[in-house]
């Protein structure tokens, strides 16, 4: 019987192979098509249904030889292993919206809080208390600086210790570390997070090597949505990413980000660490127009922002395929000291990054290792997650779109036209232009965002750009129903080295061009080791 089934499947595959691209085109991911062209063996896939799949959908899948690995309570997705030969048949199912491979996902690897004004807001009583932040990462070590604020834990990848990799603990500390292990007369520095009163929901998706897959990340986002009411989850932090393979309208993780956003959760995502490769290097799901996508700045060793510069590795927009304007904002992400997960992979690979007692304690005093240094947009992202938690705690019921728009509108827009830096790993010199595809709407400023009381009517979807060859210009297009003004922005050089210029005219209302992006801003995952000096 099994031999007969295999023959039938092989015959079907041969019959449809000539029209594979046409039959599957809009419904099968391009990298899955490439995989199928190499052979017809079993493949792990993420199947997006148009509506919540029922028993009949699962039975049809099993009838085609598929093995269902999982489905979710909120997201209309099924994770399965299917014979490659049946994918063309699955693509003909009118209930299926899109099929993609279960892709690998990885992380986008003291002065930080001062640079964004978090020290000021903390002194004024703003701590993010009462807001839950879901950390979808490698787990969270029960560090003293987090006390009892890890209110929920769930691992989707197994593991030995609470955080085998060490990335999630560092991220959690940037969001909500209390600084307890560096507070007192014997300490010269205190490493406090942006929102030290926020609760943490630990959803573990990265293994001991910092790796994961789409299906695991989807399961964690689905769980965060389901737990929103119980733990008052207002923010999801995604300091991870992978390459872009299709439009955000089809990408399964981007669709999950959209689902969470529409259910009232702010989703903050790392831009990626591919900035040395130039423009259009944002990773998924940082390309989601819903998400707040965060690039990384270097604090240059001072609390003031005037001398800060863009990190070379910080990925730049516009996004691949959809050409969305990203990142949305930037925040400190270089050489950030946060919480250590003892015995983790990162701490063993980079023992020199463990903060020594002499770095933050008085001479002649010492303490067990408690802090660790990492760099990357992974580290900038939780800064903004903490900022979002503070805004939500200060104004319960505020919408994700208003949180995003306020952070963008009030972000500092004082940048140089360009800066030059040397890559410490190669010795190569790079010149960065400060424009909307490198620094977005500007440098996050939490006190200014708290002082703002404007509300969004509509969405705060990140705009997209359309290149018009006959005009030799790139036009900035506002999404339908967005809160941004309805005019067009003329860009003289989006893909080159010239300065980006705003067009004349346009709406000068509260969400207008100059208010949101700022004149000079328009004109103008983790990196291990010691970051950029």
Protein backbone atom coordinates (compact mmCIF):
# COMPACT_ATOMS: atom_id res chain seq x y z
CA UNK A 1 0.00 0.00 0.00
CA UNK A 2 2.83 2.38 0.92
CA UNK A 3 4.60 1.63 -2.39
CA UNK A 4 1.39 2.40 -4.27
CA UNK A 5 1.03 5.70 -2.41
CA UNK A 6 4.61 6.65 -3.23
CA UNK A 7 4.03 5.91 -6.91
CA UNK A 8 0.89 8.01 -6.92
CA UNK A 9 2.70 10.90 -5.23
CA UNK A 10 5.60 10.66 -7.66
CA UNK A 11 3.22 10.63 -10.62
CA UNK A 12 1.43 13.66 -9.29
CA UNK A 13 4.71 15.47 -8.80
CA UNK A 14 5.80 14.79 -12.36
CA UNK A 15 2.42 15.91 -13.68
CA UNK A 16 2.63 19.29 -12.00
CA UNK A 17 6.37 19.93 -12.06
CA UNK A 18 6.25 21.78 -15.38
CA UNK A 19 3.79 24.28 -13.96
CA UNK A 20 5.27 24.45 -10.48
CA UNK A 21 5.88 28.18 -10.47
CA UNK A 22 2.45 29.00 -11.94
CA UNK A 23 0.51 26.57 -9.80
CA UNK A 24 2.23 27.60 -6.59
CA UNK A 25 3.60 31.06 -7.41
CA UNK A 26 1.65 33.29 -5.06
CA UNK A 27 1.04 30.58 -2.46
CA UNK A 28 4.42 28.87 -2.05
CA UNK A 29 7.53 30.63 -0.77
CA UNK A 30 10.33 31.00 -3.34
CA UNK A 31 12.87 29.26 -1.11
CA UNK A 32 10.46 26.33 -0.73
CA UNK A 33 10.14 26.11 -4.51
CA UNK A 34 13.95 25.97 -4.72
CA UNK A 35 13.98 23.25 -2.08
CA UNK A 36 11.40 21.23 -3.99
CA UNK A 37 13.38 21.50 -7.19
CA UNK A 38 16.26 19.72 -5.47
CA UNK A 39 14.17 16.69 -4.54
CA UNK A 40 10.82 15.40 -3.38
CA UNK A 41 11.71 14.30 0.13
CA UNK A 42 9.77 15.28 3.26
CA UNK A 43 10.01 18.95 4.26
CA UNK A 44 9.02 20.87 7.40
CA UNK A 45 6.61 23.66 6.49
CA UNK A 46 4.55 26.47 8.00
CA UNK A 47 1.07 26.46 6.46
CA UNK A 48 -0.92 29.67 6.77
CA UNK A 49 -4.68 29.19 6.44
CA UNK A 50 -7.10 31.95 5.55
CA UNK A 51 -9.14 31.10 8.63
CA UNK A 52 -8.55 29.01 11.74
CA UNK A 53 -7.96 25.46 10.45
CA UNK A 54 -10.49 22.88 11.56
CA UNK A 55 -10.41 19.07 11.87
CA UNK A 56 -11.23 18.72 8.17
CA UNK A 57 -8.15 20.73 7.19
CA UNK A 58 -5.92 18.60 9.39
CA UNK A 59 -7.44 15.37 8.05
CA UNK A 60 -6.82 16.46 4.46
CA UNK A 61 -3.23 17.21 5.37
CA UNK A 62 -2.80 13.81 7.00
CA UNK A 63 -4.46 12.17 3.99
CA UNK A 64 -1.72 13.61 1.79
CA UNK A 65 0.92 11.95 3.94
CA UNK A 66 1.58 14.94 6.17
CA UNK A 67 2.50 14.77 9.84
CA UNK A 68 1.07 17.60 11.92
CA UNK A 69 3.60 18.90 14.46
CA UNK A 70 1.45 21.65 15.89
CA UNK A 71 -1.14 24.38 15.51
CA UNK A 72 -1.97 27.45 17.58
CA UNK A 73 -4.74 28.95 19.63
CA UNK A 74 -4.72 32.35 17.91
CA UNK A 75 -2.66 32.24 14.72
CA UNK A 76 -4.27 30.34 11.79
CA UNK A 77 -1.11 28.32 11.14
CA UNK A 78 -0.22 24.64 11.08
CA UNK A 79 3.31 23.28 11.44
CA UNK A 80 3.78 20.02 9.55
CA UNK A 81 6.17 17.68 7.80
CA UNK A 82 4.87 16.85 4.33
CA UNK A 83 6.14 14.91 1.31
CA UNK A 84 7.61 17.41 -1.14
CA UNK A 85 5.52 15.89 -3.91
CA UNK A 86 2.23 16.98 -2.34
CA UNK A 87 3.08 20.67 -1.96
CA UNK A 88 1.69 21.47 -5.45
CA UNK A 89 -1.59 19.83 -4.42
CA UNK A 90 -1.67 21.74 -1.13
CA UNK A 91 -1.23 24.97 -3.07
CA UNK A 92 -4.50 24.25 -4.88
CA UNK A 93 -6.42 24.14 -1.58
CA UNK A 94 -8.54 27.34 -1.51
CA UNK A 95 -8.37 27.41 2.30
CA UNK A 96 -4.58 27.66 2.31
CA UNK A 97 -3.12 31.18 1.99
CA UNK A 98 0.61 30.46 1.93
CA UNK A 99 3.17 27.69 2.47
CA UNK A 100 6.76 28.34 3.53
CA UNK A 101 9.62 26.25 4.92
CA UNK A 102 10.21 26.21 8.66
CA UNK A 103 13.18 28.59 8.45
CA UNK A 104 16.02 29.08 10.92
CA UNK A 105 15.94 32.19 13.13
CA UNK A 106 18.81 33.70 15.15
CA UNK A 107 19.42 36.61 17.55
CA UNK A 108 20.50 39.94 16.06
CA UNK A 109 23.28 40.27 18.56
CA UNK A 110 25.23 51.91 32.19
CA UNK A 111 25.17 54.72 29.64
CA UNK A 112 22.27 53.28 27.76
CA UNK A 113 19.45 54.45 30.05
CA UNK A 114 20.91 57.95 30.41
CA UNK A 115 21.12 58.42 26.66
CA UNK A 116 17.37 57.92 26.18
CA UNK A 117 16.34 59.77 29.35
CA UNK A 118 15.30 56.67 31.31
CA UNK A 119 17.23 57.81 34.41
CA UNK A 120 15.17 61.01 34.43
CA UNK A 121 11.85 59.21 34.04
CA UNK A 122 12.78 56.70 36.77
CA UNK A 123 13.57 59.53 39.19
CA UNK A 124 10.13 60.94 38.42
CA UNK A 125 8.44 57.64 39.31
CA UNK A 126 7.99 56.08 35.86
CA UNK A 127 9.10 52.45 35.93
CA UNK A 128 6.70 50.52 33.72
CA UNK A 129 5.06 48.90 36.74
CA UNK A 130 1.89 47.01 35.92
CA UNK A 131 2.90 46.26 32.32
CA UNK A 132 4.04 42.84 31.11
CA UNK A 133 6.83 42.58 28.53
CA UNK A 134 7.12 39.26 26.70
CA UNK A 135 10.78 38.44 26.05
CA UNK A 136 10.82 36.01 23.11
CA UNK A 137 14.45 34.99 23.23
CA UNK A 138 16.80 32.40 24.78
CA UNK A 139 15.25 32.37 28.24
CA UNK A 140 15.88 34.46 31.36
CA UNK A 141 18.23 33.53 34.19
CA UNK A 142 16.70 34.29 37.64
CA UNK A 143 19.09 37.16 38.26
CA UNK A 144 18.80 39.10 41.56
CA UNK A 145 18.18 42.27 39.52
CA UNK A 146 14.93 40.75 38.23
CA UNK A 147 13.76 39.55 41.66
CA UNK A 148 10.25 38.09 41.42
CA UNK A 149 9.22 39.93 38.26
CA UNK A 150 9.54 36.93 35.92
CA UNK A 151 5.85 36.08 36.22
CA UNK A 152 5.65 33.34 33.57
CA UNK A 153 8.07 30.93 31.95
CA UNK A 154 7.69 28.58 29.02
CA UNK A 155 10.32 26.96 26.83
CA UNK A 156 9.52 25.94 23.26
CA UNK A 157 12.97 24.42 22.69
CA UNK A 158 13.84 22.58 25.89
CA UNK A 159 17.19 23.23 27.52
CA UNK A 160 19.18 22.58 30.67
CA UNK A 161 19.40 25.97 32.40
CA UNK A 162 16.93 28.88 32.40
CA UNK A 163 19.06 30.56 29.73
CA UNK A 164 21.62 28.30 28.07
CA UNK A 165 22.65 30.90 25.50
CA UNK A 166 22.75 34.08 27.62
CA UNK A 167 21.13 36.46 25.13
CA UNK A 168 17.65 36.61 26.65
CA UNK A 169 18.90 37.41 30.15
CA UNK A 170 20.92 40.34 28.78
CA UNK A 171 17.87 41.60 26.86
CA UNK A 172 15.62 41.22 29.92
CA UNK A 173 18.05 43.26 32.00
CA UNK A 174 17.99 46.13 29.52
CA UNK A 175 14.19 46.15 29.69
CA UNK A 176 13.66 45.73 33.41
CA UNK A 177 16.81 45.20 35.48
CA UNK A 178 16.57 46.86 38.89
CA UNK A 179 20.30 47.46 39.35
CA UNK A 180 20.15 45.74 42.75
CA UNK A 181 23.49 43.99 42.21
CA UNK A 182 25.24 47.30 41.49
CA UNK A 183 23.56 49.63 43.99
CA UNK A 184 25.21 50.77 47.20
CA UNK A 185 28.16 52.78 48.50
CA UNK A 186 30.70 50.27 47.16
CA UNK A 187 29.52 50.71 43.57
CA UNK A 188 30.63 53.41 41.13
CA UNK A 189 28.08 52.45 38.44
CA UNK A 190 24.53 51.15 38.59
CA UNK A 191 23.22 49.04 35.72
CA UNK A 192 19.48 49.67 35.81
CA UNK A 193 17.09 48.78 33.00
CA UNK A 194 14.78 51.21 31.22
CA UNK A 195 11.56 50.02 32.92
CA UNK A 196 12.66 48.39 36.21
CA UNK A 197 9.10 47.97 37.42
CA UNK A 198 7.82 45.97 34.44
CA UNK A 199 6.90 42.29 34.69
CA UNK A 200 8.61 39.80 32.39
CA UNK A 201 7.06 36.92 30.47
CA UNK A 202 9.84 34.50 29.52
CA UNK A 203 9.04 32.72 26.24
CA UNK A 204 12.11 30.73 25.27
CA UNK A 205 12.71 30.10 21.56
CA UNK A 206 16.51 30.19 21.09
CA UNK A 207 18.56 27.11 21.96
CA UNK A 208 22.02 26.94 23.53
CA UNK A 209 23.54 27.99 20.20
CA UNK A 210 21.19 30.93 19.74
CA UNK A 211 19.20 29.24 16.98
CA UNK A 212 15.48 28.70 16.39
CA UNK A 213 12.93 28.27 13.61
CA UNK A 214 9.86 30.09 12.34
CA UNK A 215 7.51 27.55 13.90
CA UNK A 216 8.99 28.00 17.37
CA UNK A 217 8.83 31.81 17.18
CA UNK A 218 5.24 31.58 15.93
CA UNK A 219 4.32 29.39 18.90
CA UNK A 220 5.79 31.97 21.30
CA UNK A 221 3.99 34.92 19.69
CA UNK A 222 0.75 32.92 19.75
CA UNK A 223 1.27 32.23 23.47
CA UNK A 224 1.99 35.90 24.20
CA UNK A 225 -1.28 36.89 22.55
CA UNK A 226 -3.17 34.23 24.51
CA UNK A 227 -1.61 35.39 27.82
CA UNK A 228 -2.15 39.10 27.19
CA UNK A 229 -5.07 39.50 29.58
CA UNK A 230 -3.67 37.33 32.37
CA UNK A 231 -0.29 39.06 32.58
CA UNK A 232 -1.21 42.47 31.16
CA UNK A 233 1.20 41.98 28.28
CA UNK A 234 1.60 45.30 26.53
CA UNK A 235 4.89 44.69 24.72
CA UNK A 236 6.60 41.87 22.83
CA UNK A 237 10.38 42.13 22.41
CA UNK A 238 11.88 40.33 19.41
CA UNK A 239 15.66 40.71 19.40
CA UNK A 240 15.99 38.15 16.63
CA UNK A 241 15.57 37.84 12.90
CA UNK A 242 16.30 36.06 9.65
CA UNK A 243 16.55 36.93 5.94
CA UNK A 244 13.50 38.21 4.04
CA UNK A 245 12.07 35.79 1.48
CA UNK A 246 8.69 37.31 0.62
CA UNK A 247 6.42 40.28 1.23
CA UNK A 248 5.32 41.01 4.78
CA UNK A 249 1.80 40.12 3.64
CA UNK A 250 2.97 36.51 3.27
CA UNK A 251 5.85 36.15 5.74
CA UNK A 252 4.47 34.01 8.60
CA UNK A 253 6.33 35.83 11.38
CA UNK A 254 5.35 39.25 10.02
CA UNK A 255 1.74 38.09 9.91
CA UNK A 256 2.05 36.99 13.55
CA UNK A 257 3.48 40.41 14.48
CA UNK A 258 0.48 42.01 12.78
CA UNK A 259 -1.90 39.73 14.70
CA UNK A 260 -0.33 40.69 18.02
CA UNK A 261 -0.38 44.39 17.13
CA UNK A 262 -4.05 44.30 16.19
CA UNK A 263 -4.79 42.70 19.57
CA UNK A 264 -3.28 45.64 21.39
CA UNK A 265 0.34 44.55 21.90
CA UNK A 266 3.25 46.79 20.90
CA UNK A 267 5.81 44.67 19.04
CA UNK A 268 9.40 45.94 19.07
CA UNK A 269 11.87 44.26 16.70
CA UNK A 270 15.60 44.48 15.99
CA UNK A 271 16.56 45.98 12.64
CA UNK A 272 19.38 43.48 12.14
CA UNK A 273 23.17 43.67 12.10
CA UNK A 274 23.90 43.77 8.37
CA UNK A 275 24.50 47.51 8.07
CA UNK A 276 28.04 47.07 6.77
CA UNK A 277 26.45 45.66 3.61
CA UNK A 278 24.64 48.95 2.96
CA UNK A 279 21.00 49.80 2.41
CA UNK A 280 18.06 47.37 2.21
CA UNK A 281 19.57 45.13 4.91
CA UNK A 282 16.70 45.04 7.44
CA UNK A 283 15.87 41.48 8.51
CA UNK A 284 12.50 39.83 9.14
CA UNK A 285 10.34 40.50 11.13
CA UNK A 286 11.90 43.97 11.40
CA UNK A 287 10.41 44.62 7.96
CA UNK A 288 6.87 44.50 9.37
CA UNK A 289 5.20 47.89 8.80
CA UNK A 290 3.35 47.41 12.11
CA UNK A 291 6.40 46.79 14.31
CA UNK A 292 8.63 49.41 15.88
CA UNK A 293 11.93 48.51 14.24
CA UNK A 294 15.04 49.64 16.09
CA UNK A 295 18.53 50.51 14.85
CA UNK A 296 21.59 50.84 17.09
CA UNK A 297 23.60 53.89 18.19
CA UNK A 298 26.96 54.13 19.97
CA UNK A 299 26.95 56.24 23.16
CA UNK A 300 30.69 56.97 22.78
CA UNK A 301 31.17 56.51 26.51
CA UNK A 302 29.13 59.53 27.61
CA UNK A 303 25.53 60.01 28.82
CA UNK A 304 24.98 62.93 26.43
CA UNK A 305 23.71 62.15 22.94
CA UNK A 306 25.44 64.98 21.06
CA UNK A 307 28.53 62.86 20.44
CA UNK A 308 26.68 59.61 19.68
CA UNK A 309 27.01 57.97 16.28
CA UNK A 310 25.34 55.23 14.28
CA UNK A 311 26.73 51.72 14.79
CA UNK A 312 28.25 50.41 11.59
CA UNK A 313 26.44 47.08 11.88
CA UNK A 314 22.96 48.60 12.32
CA UNK A 315 20.84 47.47 9.35
CA UNK A 316 19.39 50.09 7.03
CA UNK A 317 16.22 50.43 5.04
CA UNK A 318 14.29 50.44 2.91
CA UNK A 319 13.14 46.87 3.42
CA UNK A 320 13.74 44.25 0.77
CA UNK A 321 10.71 43.55 -1.48
CA UNK A 322 8.17 45.87 0.23
CA UNK A 323 10.48 48.91 0.42
CA UNK A 324 9.13 50.02 3.79
CA UNK A 325 10.88 52.93 5.53
CA UNK A 326 12.89 51.32 8.32
CA UNK A 327 14.22 51.50 10.97
CA UNK A 328 11.56 53.52 12.79
CA UNK A 329 13.85 54.79 15.55
CA UNK A 330 17.34 54.24 16.94
CA UNK A 331 18.54 53.62 20.51
CA UNK A 332 21.81 52.74 22.28
CA UNK A 333 22.95 49.23 21.35
CA UNK A 334 26.74 49.22 21.36
CA UNK A 335 28.81 47.84 24.25
CA UNK A 336 25.78 47.64 26.54
CA UNK A 337 26.35 46.20 30.01
CA UNK A 338 23.42 44.18 31.28
CA UNK A 339 22.70 40.95 33.15
CA UNK A 340 24.93 37.87 33.02
CA UNK A 341 23.57 34.34 32.68
CA UNK A 342 26.29 32.29 34.44
CA UNK A 343 27.60 29.35 32.45
CA UNK A 344 25.80 30.39 29.28
CA UNK A 345 27.26 29.85 25.81
CA UNK A 346 27.94 33.55 25.26
CA UNK A 347 29.68 33.96 28.62
CA UNK A 348 31.94 31.02 27.80
CA UNK A 349 32.66 32.19 24.25
CA UNK A 350 33.40 35.77 25.35
CA UNK A 351 34.74 35.66 28.92
CA UNK A 352 36.36 39.05 28.33
CA UNK A 353 32.87 40.58 28.12
CA UNK A 354 32.08 39.73 31.74
CA UNK A 355 32.18 43.00 33.70
CA UNK A 356 34.98 42.96 36.26
CA UNK A 357 34.53 44.33 39.76
CA UNK A 358 36.95 47.16 39.00
CA UNK A 359 34.64 48.37 36.24
CA UNK A 360 31.79 49.26 38.59
CA UNK A 361 33.06 48.96 42.18
CA UNK A 362 35.23 50.98 44.52
CA UNK A 363 38.92 50.01 44.71
CA UNK A 364 39.50 47.14 47.11
CA UNK A 365 35.96 45.78 46.83
CA UNK A 366 34.67 42.88 44.76
CA UNK A 367 31.56 40.84 44.04
CA UNK A 368 30.66 37.69 42.09
CA UNK A 369 30.28 38.28 38.33
CA UNK A 370 26.79 39.65 37.63
CA UNK A 371 27.01 41.71 34.44
CA UNK A 372 27.97 41.15 30.83
CA UNK A 373 28.60 43.33 27.77
CA UNK A 374 27.03 42.76 24.34
CA UNK A 375 26.48 44.86 21.24
CA UNK A 376 23.91 44.82 18.46
CA UNK A 377 20.45 45.93 17.46
CA UNK A 378 19.37 43.11 19.80
CA UNK A 379 20.48 45.40 22.64
CA UNK A 380 18.87 48.56 21.22
CA UNK A 381 15.51 46.83 20.86
CA UNK A 382 14.81 46.25 24.59
CA UNK A 383 15.60 49.93 25.23
CA UNK A 384 12.57 50.78 23.12
CA UNK A 385 10.52 47.94 24.63
CA UNK A 386 11.18 49.47 28.04
CA UNK A 387 10.21 52.90 26.70
CA UNK A 388 6.94 51.46 25.36
CA UNK A 389 6.20 49.86 28.73
CA UNK A 390 6.69 53.22 30.46
CA UNK A 391 4.28 54.95 28.06
CA UNK A 392 1.65 52.22 28.53
CA UNK A 393 1.98 52.29 32.33
CA UNK A 394 1.63 56.09 32.32
CA UNK A 395 -1.45 55.99 30.13
CA UNK A 396 -3.25 52.61 30.33
CA UNK A 397 -5.33 51.84 27.26
CA UNK A 398 -3.06 53.71 24.87
CA UNK A 399 -3.00 52.01 21.47
CA UNK A 400 0.12 50.45 19.93
CA UNK A 401 -0.15 52.92 17.05
CA UNK A 402 -0.10 55.91 19.40
CA UNK A 403 2.89 54.46 21.30
CA UNK A 404 4.79 54.05 18.04
CA UNK A 405 3.86 57.47 16.67
CA UNK A 406 4.77 59.30 19.89
CA UNK A 407 8.15 57.60 20.14
CA UNK A 408 8.83 58.55 16.52
CA UNK A 409 7.53 62.11 16.68
CA UNK A 410 9.40 63.00 19.87
CA UNK A 411 12.64 61.24 18.97
CA UNK A 412 15.66 63.53 18.85
CA UNK A 413 16.46 64.56 15.29
CA UNK A 414 19.81 66.27 15.86
CA UNK A 415 22.27 64.31 13.77
CA UNK A 416 25.30 65.20 11.69
CA UNK A 417 25.01 64.78 7.95
CA UNK A 418 27.48 61.93 8.12
CA UNK A 419 30.10 60.27 10.33
CA UNK A 420 33.09 58.05 9.69
CA UNK A 421 34.09 55.04 11.76
CA UNK A 422 36.58 52.19 11.56
CA UNK A 423 35.45 48.58 11.83
CA UNK A 424 37.56 47.14 14.69
CA UNK A 425 37.40 43.63 13.25
CA UNK A 426 38.70 44.51 9.77
CA UNK A 427 40.26 47.95 10.00
CA UNK A 428 38.01 49.12 7.15
CA UNK A 429 36.69 52.68 7.26
CA UNK A 430 32.97 53.37 6.74
CA UNK A 431 31.08 56.60 6.22
CA UNK A 432 27.48 56.69 7.45
CA UNK A 433 24.91 59.13 6.10
CA UNK A 434 22.19 60.03 8.60
CA UNK A 435 18.87 59.69 6.77
CA UNK A 436 15.51 58.04 7.31
CA UNK A 437 16.90 54.68 6.22
CA UNK A 438 19.67 54.71 8.82
CA UNK A 439 18.23 56.55 11.84
CA UNK A 440 14.52 56.48 11.00
CA UNK A 441 12.57 59.19 12.82
CA UNK A 442 15.40 59.75 15.27
CA UNK A 443 16.93 58.89 18.63
CA UNK A 444 14.39 57.74 21.24
CA UNK A 445 13.74 60.33 23.95
CA UNK A 446 11.54 58.92 26.71
CA UNK A 447 10.85 62.14 28.67
CA UNK A 448 9.73 63.86 25.46
CA UNK A 449 7.49 60.92 24.56
CA UNK A 450 5.92 60.99 28.03
CA UNK A 451 5.22 64.70 27.71
CA UNK A 452 3.42 64.21 24.40
CA UNK A 453 -0.36 63.68 24.49
CA UNK A 454 -1.19 63.37 20.78
CA UNK A 455 -3.27 60.37 19.80
CA UNK A 456 -3.34 58.48 16.54
CA UNK A 457 -6.54 58.13 14.60
CA UNK A 458 -5.76 55.45 12.08
CA UNK A 459 -2.61 53.37 11.89
CA UNK A 460 1.06 54.15 12.35
CA UNK A 461 2.19 51.78 9.63
CA UNK A 462 5.69 52.56 8.44
CA UNK A 463 5.49 54.22 5.00
CA UNK A 464 6.94 52.64 1.89
CA UNK A 465 8.89 54.08 -1.00
CA UNK A 466 8.28 53.68 -4.71
CA UNK A 467 11.09 54.36 -7.15
CA UNK A 468 10.03 56.16 -10.32
CA UNK A 469 12.74 55.62 -12.97
CA UNK A 470 11.31 58.25 -15.33
CA UNK A 471 11.60 60.88 -12.57
CA UNK A 472 14.84 59.45 -11.15
CA UNK A 473 13.22 59.87 -7.74
CA UNK A 474 11.94 57.76 -4.91
CA UNK A 475 8.51 58.80 -3.64
CA UNK A 476 7.46 58.18 -0.07
CA UNK A 477 3.96 56.67 -0.01
CA UNK A 478 1.73 56.77 3.04
CA UNK A 479 -0.30 53.59 3.65
CA UNK A 480 -4.07 53.92 3.28
CA UNK A 481 -5.65 54.99 6.54
CA UNK A 482 -2.32 55.87 8.14
CA UNK A 483 -1.88 58.69 10.62
CA UNK A 484 0.93 60.26 8.64
CA UNK A 485 0.19 63.09 6.20
CA UNK A 486 -1.09 62.19 2.76
CA UNK A 487 1.54 64.03 0.73
CA UNK A 488 4.46 62.57 -1.15
CA UNK A 489 8.09 62.96 -0.16
CA UNK A 490 10.61 63.38 -2.94
CA UNK A 491 13.89 61.58 -2.32
CA UNK A 492 16.89 62.56 -4.38
CA UNK A 493 18.95 59.61 -3.33
CA UNK A 494 17.63 56.65 -1.43
CA UNK A 495 19.84 53.99 -2.93
CA UNK A 496 22.95 56.12 -3.39
CA UNK A 497 25.20 58.41 -1.37
CA UNK A 498 23.51 61.79 -1.85
CA UNK A 499 21.59 63.45 0.94
CA UNK A 500 17.87 62.69 1.06
CA UNK A 501 15.82 65.85 0.54
CA UNK A 502 12.19 66.35 1.59
CA UNK A 503 9.80 67.64 -1.05
CA UNK A 504 8.26 71.10 -0.81
CA UNK A 505 4.73 71.50 0.48
CA UNK A 506 2.86 68.75 2.31
CA UNK A 507 0.75 68.68 5.43
CA UNK A 508 2.14 70.55 8.44
CA UNK A 509 -0.35 68.99 10.86
CA UNK A 510 0.71 67.21 14.04
CA UNK A 511 1.67 64.03 12.19
CA UNK A 512 3.17 65.91 9.23
CA UNK A 513 6.54 65.44 7.61
CA UNK A 514 8.66 67.74 9.76
CA UNK A 515 6.87 66.77 12.98
CA UNK A 516 7.42 63.05 12.61
CA UNK A 517 10.65 62.62 10.70
CA UNK A 518 12.36 65.93 11.41
CA UNK A 519 14.34 67.99 8.94
CA UNK A 520 17.84 66.90 9.90
CA UNK A 521 16.80 63.26 10.25
CA UNK A 522 15.54 63.38 6.67
CA UNK A 523 18.61 65.30 5.53
CA UNK A 524 20.93 63.56 7.13
CA UNK A 525 20.82 40.99 16.22
CA UNK A 526 23.91 40.58 18.46
CA UNK A 527 27.33 41.60 17.50
CA UNK A 528 29.53 39.69 19.91
CA UNK A 529 32.96 40.66 21.12
CA UNK A 530 33.69 44.19 22.31
CA UNK A 531 31.49 46.11 19.86
CA UNK A 532 32.72 49.30 18.20
CA UNK A 533 34.99 51.72 19.99
